[in-house]
Amino acid sequence: MPEEIVKNQNFSIYRHVPVKIDSQCQDVVVVTFDNIAGGLKPKGFGTEFLLKCGVESFFVSHRGGSFFQDLPDYELKKHIGDYLSDKRVISYGSSLGGYAAIYYSGVLGSKPLAFSPRCSADPLYTDFQRWGVNFKHDFIDEKNLGGALSPVVVIDPHVEKDKLYLDSRIYPAYGGNLNVVEMPHVNHGTAEAMLAQGVLKDFVLSVILRGEVKDICFDPWKNPYSLGEMAFKYARAKNFPLANKCLQSLVGLGAPRGVSRLRSYELLVRYGKLRHKISRKEIFASEVKAAHEVFFKKVKSAKNQKEALLFEFQMHVWLLNYSLASALADQVARFYPSYAKEHRMLELSKKYIDNSKEWVL
């Protein structure tokens, strides 16, 4: 059972002690940090994994959307500092959690392990105000990281916001003294991509137990996350042969991230360039869930019924349900006979059906 160290309206900290601490981990404690959603949860990123590995950990969460801005350094040290004395400390997180793993590393005296670290509320970004956050933290490149050890940062160098944060904030903070592991074409989900390749456990434990960065032998052509992302990038750039090659290489490797593969198929079918057979039964449950999440959000924010129906049409297309998309388009065209977008939708649905006859089963 997790031990509540502190919980208030701004942040929470819970301690997790495994039933049996691994003999290699007697002197190790890992402090993990929540993602952007926060929510003052008792456990989250890395908790179950560390328990299974016999590693003691603390999970630090924040009020949803507050970006840890209401957790000062001294508060974190006050609540868990005594637990960390005479221990090797690893701070661990992904995305916003990766940012926090680095930001608090000075006060924790920790070695950060950060996957795709960034803080989107940092004024470094031109759109930082969209989050409505009062940014109180020192910038990492200007912060005194005192007792921190050089971090391990895992990143997709093609994700502009992640690369900007690395170059503008993290590199200057450490004078270039850090280990950067690049995983091109996996997008922001570097930890998930490592998990999909089956190397996350060994990589993380190597850093935690030995302070070593293990070569994961990353090959974007053998990773489902990178193949899904590459397929969509190539399809969007109308490099259809390479898009098809990526999608074919995905077969048997597992589920790609989010809806990248579905969006690739949509483009290939629209332009009549799909060149391998795909069954609707081959769509992963995680892809269906991701598609539903995207469109439920869009429908919720729709300006009117017509716009909501357009989103529903697109969802059927992504899930390769062209007959349902066509039936909806036909119905909408009859409801709104003078609305050009609905007639365009009907024309598209016929194109999807014609272009997919030989390829979508």
Protein backbone atom coordinates (compact mmCIF):
# COMPACT_ATOMS: atom_id res chain seq x y z
CA MET A 1 0.00 0.00 0.00
CA PRO A 2 1.29 3.48 -0.80
CA GLU A 3 2.23 5.65 2.17
CA GLU A 4 0.88 9.19 1.96
CA ILE A 5 3.69 11.62 2.75
CA VAL A 6 1.73 14.76 1.96
CA LYS A 7 -1.36 15.74 0.02
CA ASN A 8 -2.79 19.22 -0.36
CA GLN A 9 -4.60 21.17 -3.06
CA ASN A 10 -1.40 21.77 -5.05
CA PHE A 11 0.69 18.62 -4.85
CA SER A 12 0.91 15.15 -3.38
CA ILE A 13 3.75 12.75 -2.56
CA TYR A 14 3.36 9.02 -1.93
CA ARG A 15 6.01 6.51 -0.91
CA HIS A 16 6.08 3.03 -2.43
CA VAL A 17 8.13 0.31 -0.76
CA PRO A 18 8.21 -3.12 -2.41
CA VAL A 19 7.47 -6.21 -0.31
CA LYS A 20 11.08 -7.21 -0.89
CA ILE A 21 13.75 -4.72 -1.88
CA ASP A 22 16.13 -6.18 -4.42
CA SER A 23 19.62 -6.71 -2.99
CA GLN A 24 21.07 -4.48 -5.74
CA CYS A 25 18.67 -1.68 -4.80
CA GLN A 26 19.25 -1.35 -1.06
CA ASP A 27 20.93 2.03 -1.46
CA VAL A 28 18.71 3.33 -4.32
CA VAL A 29 15.60 5.51 -4.23
CA VAL A 30 13.74 6.72 -7.33
CA VAL A 31 11.58 9.86 -7.29
CA THR A 32 9.09 9.81 -10.17
CA PHE A 33 7.00 12.71 -11.40
CA ASP A 34 3.51 12.87 -12.89
CA ASN A 35 2.61 14.00 -16.40
CA ILE A 36 0.71 17.11 -17.48
CA ALA A 37 -2.68 15.71 -16.41
CA GLY A 38 -1.61 15.47 -12.78
CA GLY A 39 -4.51 14.91 -10.42
CA LEU A 40 -2.80 14.25 -7.05
CA LYS A 41 -2.77 10.51 -7.69
CA PRO A 42 -1.06 8.06 -5.31
CA LYS A 43 0.81 6.35 -8.13
CA GLY A 44 1.64 6.91 -11.78
CA PHE A 45 4.57 6.89 -14.18
CA GLY A 46 7.03 4.15 -13.24
CA THR A 47 5.41 3.15 -9.93
CA GLU A 48 4.31 -0.41 -10.76
CA PHE A 49 7.46 -1.08 -12.78
CA LEU A 50 9.72 -0.07 -9.89
CA LEU A 51 7.72 -2.10 -7.37
CA LYS A 52 8.08 -5.20 -9.53
CA CYS A 53 11.81 -4.57 -9.78
CA GLY A 54 12.14 -4.28 -6.02
CA VAL A 55 13.01 -0.57 -6.01
CA GLU A 56 11.74 1.91 -3.43
CA SER A 57 10.18 5.02 -4.98
CA PHE A 58 8.26 8.22 -4.34
CA PHE A 59 5.58 9.44 -6.72
CA VAL A 60 5.10 13.21 -6.94
CA SER A 61 1.90 14.56 -8.51
CA HIS A 62 0.46 18.03 -8.97
CA ARG A 63 -2.89 19.71 -9.36
CA GLY A 64 -3.95 19.00 -12.94
CA GLY A 65 -2.60 21.57 -15.37
CA SER A 66 -0.52 23.40 -12.73
CA PHE A 67 2.81 22.22 -14.20
CA PHE A 68 4.34 21.76 -10.71
CA GLN A 69 4.45 25.56 -10.35
CA ASP A 70 3.07 25.35 -6.81
CA LEU A 71 5.68 22.90 -5.55
CA PRO A 72 8.73 24.89 -4.40
CA ASP A 73 12.08 23.12 -4.04
CA TYR A 74 12.16 23.55 -0.27
CA GLU A 75 8.73 21.88 0.10
CA LEU A 76 9.86 18.81 -1.81
CA LYS A 77 13.04 18.54 0.26
CA LYS A 78 11.15 19.13 3.50
CA HIS A 79 8.81 16.20 2.87
CA ILE A 80 11.19 13.55 1.49
CA GLY A 81 14.72 14.77 2.19
CA ASP A 82 15.19 12.55 5.25
CA TYR A 83 14.20 9.45 3.28
CA LEU A 84 16.90 10.16 0.70
CA SER A 85 19.89 10.62 2.99
CA ASP A 86 22.72 8.14 2.33
CA LYS A 87 20.90 6.94 -0.80
CA ARG A 88 21.65 7.16 -4.51
CA VAL A 89 18.73 9.10 -5.91
CA ILE A 90 17.33 8.89 -9.43
CA SER A 91 14.67 11.39 -10.53
CA TYR A 92 12.53 9.92 -13.29
CA GLY A 93 9.75 11.12 -15.57
CA SER A 94 8.40 11.62 -19.06
CA SER A 95 7.33 14.84 -20.81
CA LEU A 96 6.38 17.27 -18.01
CA GLY A 97 7.52 14.60 -15.57
CA GLY A 98 10.88 14.55 -17.34
CA TYR A 99 11.09 18.31 -16.93
CA ALA A 100 10.37 17.95 -13.20
CA ALA A 101 12.96 15.18 -12.89
CA ILE A 102 15.56 17.68 -14.11
CA TYR A 103 14.17 20.77 -12.38
CA TYR A 104 14.17 19.22 -8.91
CA SER A 105 17.41 17.25 -9.37
CA GLY A 106 19.46 19.93 -7.61
CA VAL A 107 17.49 19.85 -4.38
CA LEU A 108 17.23 16.04 -4.54
CA GLY A 109 20.91 15.52 -5.40
CA SER A 110 19.67 13.12 -8.04
CA LYS A 111 20.64 11.80 -11.43
CA PRO A 112 17.73 12.62 -13.76
CA LEU A 113 16.41 10.10 -16.25
CA ALA A 114 14.09 12.14 -18.47
CA PHE A 115 12.10 10.93 -21.47
CA SER A 116 11.12 13.71 -23.89
CA PRO A 117 11.39 16.39 -21.18
CA ARG A 118 9.67 19.71 -21.68
CA CYS A 119 7.46 22.22 -19.91
CA SER A 120 4.96 23.64 -22.38
CA ALA A 121 4.09 26.50 -20.00
CA ASP A 122 7.66 27.83 -20.22
CA PRO A 123 7.73 31.26 -21.95
CA LEU A 124 10.34 29.74 -24.24
CA TYR A 125 7.39 28.63 -26.37
CA THR A 126 5.41 31.16 -28.38
CA ASP A 127 2.13 29.49 -27.38
CA PHE A 128 2.89 29.15 -23.65
CA GLN A 129 -0.04 31.40 -22.67
CA ARG A 130 -2.58 28.90 -23.96
CA TRP A 131 -2.09 26.91 -20.76
CA GLY A 132 -3.12 29.83 -18.54
CA VAL A 133 -0.36 29.09 -16.04
CA ASN A 134 1.49 31.58 -13.87
CA PHE A 135 5.04 30.37 -14.54
CA LYS A 136 6.95 30.72 -11.25
CA HIS A 137 9.89 28.37 -11.74
CA ASP A 138 13.40 29.51 -12.50
CA PHE A 139 14.38 28.60 -16.02
CA ILE A 140 16.39 25.39 -15.93
CA ASP A 141 19.32 27.00 -17.74
CA GLU A 142 19.44 29.73 -15.06
CA LYS A 143 18.69 27.54 -12.05
CA ASN A 144 21.32 26.41 -9.53
CA LEU A 145 21.27 22.63 -9.97
CA GLY A 146 23.96 22.27 -7.30
CA GLY A 147 23.96 18.62 -6.24
CA ALA A 148 22.47 17.27 -9.44
CA LEU A 149 24.32 14.63 -11.45
CA SER A 150 24.49 14.71 -15.24
CA PRO A 151 21.15 13.65 -16.71
CA VAL A 152 20.17 11.00 -19.20
CA VAL A 153 17.75 12.47 -21.75
CA VAL A 154 15.86 10.36 -24.28
CA ILE A 155 14.40 12.32 -27.18
CA ASP A 156 13.12 12.20 -30.73
CA PRO A 157 15.24 14.92 -32.38
CA HIS A 158 12.56 15.47 -35.02
CA VAL A 159 10.01 16.74 -32.47
CA GLU A 160 10.61 20.49 -32.70
CA LYS A 161 9.34 21.44 -29.25
CA ASP A 162 11.35 18.72 -27.53
CA LYS A 163 14.51 19.61 -29.45
CA LEU A 164 14.03 23.31 -28.68
CA TYR A 165 13.76 22.57 -24.97
CA LEU A 166 16.84 20.38 -25.04
CA ASP A 167 18.94 22.93 -26.92
CA SER A 168 17.68 26.07 -25.15
CA ARG A 169 17.24 24.94 -21.56
CA ILE A 170 18.86 21.59 -20.79
CA TYR A 171 22.16 21.73 -22.67
CA PRO A 172 23.05 25.19 -21.28
CA ALA A 173 22.16 24.07 -17.74
CA TYR A 174 24.74 21.29 -17.82
CA GLY A 175 27.31 22.83 -20.13
CA GLY A 176 26.75 19.96 -22.52
CA ASN A 177 27.63 17.41 -19.81
CA LEU A 178 24.74 15.00 -20.35
CA ASN A 179 23.88 11.77 -22.10
CA VAL A 180 21.38 12.14 -24.93
CA VAL A 181 19.79 9.05 -26.43
CA GLU A 182 18.08 9.76 -29.76
CA MET A 183 15.08 7.78 -30.97
CA PRO A 184 14.16 9.33 -34.32
CA HIS A 185 10.62 9.15 -35.68
CA VAL A 186 8.89 7.93 -32.49
CA ASN A 187 7.44 11.39 -31.70
CA HIS A 188 6.93 12.48 -28.09
CA GLY A 189 6.35 8.99 -26.66
CA THR A 190 9.97 7.86 -26.32
CA ALA A 191 9.38 5.74 -23.20
CA GLU A 192 6.43 3.97 -24.83
CA ALA A 193 8.48 3.38 -27.98
CA MET A 194 11.25 1.82 -25.90
CA LEU A 195 8.65 -0.36 -24.18
CA ALA A 196 7.26 -1.44 -27.55
CA GLN A 197 10.75 -2.51 -28.60
CA GLY A 198 11.13 -4.52 -25.40
CA VAL A 199 14.20 -2.67 -24.11
CA LEU A 200 12.75 -0.21 -21.58
CA LYS A 201 13.29 -2.35 -18.48
CA ASP A 202 16.96 -3.07 -19.16
CA PHE A 203 17.64 0.53 -20.14
CA VAL A 204 16.03 2.03 -17.03
CA LEU A 205 17.57 -0.48 -14.62
CA SER A 206 21.00 0.08 -16.15
CA VAL A 207 20.72 3.79 -15.31
CA ILE A 208 19.20 3.20 -11.86
CA LEU A 209 21.53 0.45 -10.68
CA ARG A 210 24.80 1.26 -12.40
CA GLY A 211 24.48 4.80 -13.70
CA GLU A 212 25.19 3.43 -17.17
CA VAL A 213 23.46 4.26 -20.44
CA LYS A 214 22.82 1.02 -22.25
CA ASP A 215 22.86 0.92 -26.04
CA ILE A 216 19.33 0.00 -27.06
CA CYS A 217 20.36 -0.68 -30.68
CA PHE A 218 17.43 1.40 -31.85
CA ASP A 219 16.31 0.73 -35.42
CA PRO A 220 13.36 2.86 -36.60
CA TRP A 221 12.49 0.19 -39.17
CA LYS A 222 11.93 -2.38 -36.41
CA ASN A 223 9.96 -0.29 -33.95
CA PRO A 224 6.15 -0.01 -34.29
CA TYR A 225 6.06 3.56 -32.96
CA SER A 226 8.64 4.90 -35.39
CA LEU A 227 7.18 2.98 -38.33
CA GLY A 228 3.72 4.41 -37.65
CA GLU A 229 5.09 7.95 -37.45
CA MET A 230 7.26 7.51 -40.56
CA ALA A 231 4.34 6.07 -42.51
CA PHE A 232 2.24 9.14 -41.77
CA LYS A 233 5.07 11.56 -42.55
CA TYR A 234 5.76 9.87 -45.88
CA ALA A 235 2.07 9.66 -46.76
CA ARG A 236 1.58 13.35 -45.96
CA ALA A 237 4.58 14.18 -48.15
CA LYS A 238 3.05 11.99 -50.90
CA ASN A 239 5.99 9.62 -50.84
CA PHE A 240 3.59 6.74 -51.22
CA PRO A 241 6.09 3.91 -51.91
CA LEU A 242 7.90 4.57 -48.61
CA ALA A 243 4.61 5.00 -46.75
CA ASN A 244 3.51 1.58 -48.01
CA LYS A 245 6.88 0.09 -47.06
CA CYS A 246 6.55 1.39 -43.49
CA LEU A 247 3.04 0.02 -43.13
CA GLN A 248 4.05 -3.37 -44.48
CA SER A 249 7.03 -3.45 -42.12
CA LEU A 250 4.64 -2.83 -39.22
CA VAL A 251 2.90 -6.17 -39.72
CA GLY A 252 3.62 -8.43 -36.78
CA LEU A 253 5.48 -5.81 -34.73
CA GLY A 254 2.59 -4.64 -32.57
CA ALA A 255 0.49 -1.52 -32.19
CA PRO A 256 1.90 1.83 -33.31
CA ARG A 257 1.34 4.97 -31.25
CA GLY A 258 -2.07 6.65 -31.37
CA VAL A 259 -3.63 7.09 -34.77
CA SER A 260 -0.51 7.50 -36.92
CA ARG A 261 -1.13 4.29 -38.90
CA LEU A 262 -4.84 5.04 -39.36
CA ARG A 263 -4.07 8.51 -40.71
CA SER A 264 -1.55 6.97 -43.11
CA TYR A 265 -4.14 4.58 -44.49
CA GLU A 266 -6.63 7.42 -44.89
CA LEU A 267 -4.21 9.35 -47.12
CA LEU A 268 -3.12 6.32 -49.13
CA VAL A 269 -6.72 5.28 -49.82
CA ARG A 270 -7.82 8.83 -50.60
CA TYR A 271 -5.15 9.14 -53.28
CA GLY A 272 -5.59 5.57 -54.52
CA LYS A 273 -2.01 4.63 -53.57
CA LEU A 274 -2.50 1.79 -51.09
CA ARG A 275 -0.52 -1.21 -52.34
CA HIS A 276 -0.99 -3.93 -49.74
CA LYS A 277 -3.99 -5.63 -48.20
CA ILE A 278 -5.26 -4.60 -44.76
CA SER A 279 -8.18 -6.06 -42.83
CA ARG A 280 -10.35 -4.03 -40.48
CA LYS A 281 -9.77 -6.86 -38.00
CA GLU A 282 -6.08 -5.91 -37.92
CA ILE A 283 -6.82 -2.55 -36.32
CA PHE A 284 -5.57 -2.66 -32.73
CA ALA A 285 -7.90 -1.88 -29.83
CA SER A 286 -5.49 0.88 -28.78
CA GLU A 287 -5.90 2.50 -32.21
CA VAL A 288 -9.70 2.38 -31.98
CA LYS A 289 -9.54 3.90 -28.50
CA ALA A 290 -7.17 6.64 -29.69
CA ALA A 291 -9.43 7.46 -32.65
CA HIS A 292 -12.50 7.67 -30.40
CA GLU A 293 -10.67 9.95 -27.98
CA VAL A 294 -9.65 12.31 -30.80
CA PHE A 295 -13.14 12.59 -32.24
CA PHE A 296 -15.04 12.71 -28.97
CA LYS A 297 -12.97 15.79 -28.12
CA LYS A 298 -13.65 17.28 -31.54
CA VAL A 299 -17.38 16.57 -31.39
CA LYS A 300 -17.53 18.10 -27.93
CA SER A 301 -16.01 21.32 -29.27
CA ALA A 302 -18.03 21.33 -32.51
CA LYS A 303 -19.66 24.66 -33.34
CA ASN A 304 -22.82 23.07 -34.69
CA GLN A 305 -24.42 19.77 -35.66
CA LYS A 306 -23.03 19.86 -39.20
CA GLU A 307 -19.47 20.15 -37.91
CA ALA A 308 -20.05 17.30 -35.46
CA LEU A 309 -21.28 15.10 -38.31
CA LEU A 310 -18.16 15.90 -40.32
CA PHE A 311 -16.03 14.71 -37.40
CA GLU A 312 -18.07 11.51 -37.13
CA PHE A 313 -17.57 10.92 -40.86
CA GLN A 314 -13.81 11.31 -40.43
CA MET A 315 -13.77 8.83 -37.56
CA HIS A 316 -15.43 6.15 -39.72
CA VAL A 317 -12.85 6.84 -42.43
CA TRP A 318 -9.92 6.47 -40.02
CA LEU A 319 -11.32 3.13 -38.83
CA LEU A 320 -11.67 1.94 -42.46
CA ASN A 321 -15.47 1.81 -42.15
CA TYR A 322 -16.07 3.31 -45.57
CA SER A 323 -19.60 1.96 -45.93
CA LEU A 324 -20.64 3.65 -42.67
CA ALA A 325 -18.89 6.84 -43.77
CA SER A 326 -20.72 6.73 -47.09
CA ALA A 327 -24.12 6.13 -45.47
CA LEU A 328 -23.54 9.05 -43.10
CA ALA A 329 -22.39 11.30 -45.96
CA ASP A 330 -25.47 10.41 -48.00
CA GLN A 331 -27.76 11.12 -45.07
CA VAL A 332 -26.08 14.46 -44.29
CA ALA A 333 -26.21 15.52 -47.95
CA ARG A 334 -29.98 15.00 -47.89
CA PHE A 335 -30.37 16.90 -44.61
CA TYR A 336 -28.28 19.84 -45.86
CA PRO A 337 -28.75 19.91 -49.65
CA SER A 338 -27.20 23.36 -50.10
CA TYR A 339 -24.13 22.80 -47.91
CA ALA A 340 -21.02 22.30 -50.05
CA LYS A 341 -18.95 20.49 -47.41
CA GLU A 342 -21.51 17.73 -47.07
CA HIS A 343 -21.53 17.12 -50.82
CA ARG A 344 -17.74 17.07 -50.81
CA MET A 345 -17.98 14.50 -48.02
CA LEU A 346 -20.24 12.35 -50.17
CA GLU A 347 -17.83 12.55 -53.11
CA LEU A 348 -14.93 11.59 -50.84
CA SER A 349 -16.78 8.60 -49.41
CA LYS A 350 -17.34 7.22 -52.89
CA LYS A 351 -13.64 7.69 -53.65
CA TYR A 352 -12.66 5.83 -50.46
CA ILE A 353 -14.92 2.93 -51.40
CA ASP A 354 -13.65 2.75 -54.99
CA ASN A 355 -9.99 3.03 -54.03
CA SER A 356 -10.17 0.48 -51.24
CA LYS A 357 -12.03 -2.36 -52.98
CA GLU A 358 -8.92 -4.34 -53.79
CA TRP A 359 -6.98 -3.58 -50.63
CA VAL A 360 -9.20 -3.14 -47.54
CA LEU A 361 -10.80 -6.40 -46.46
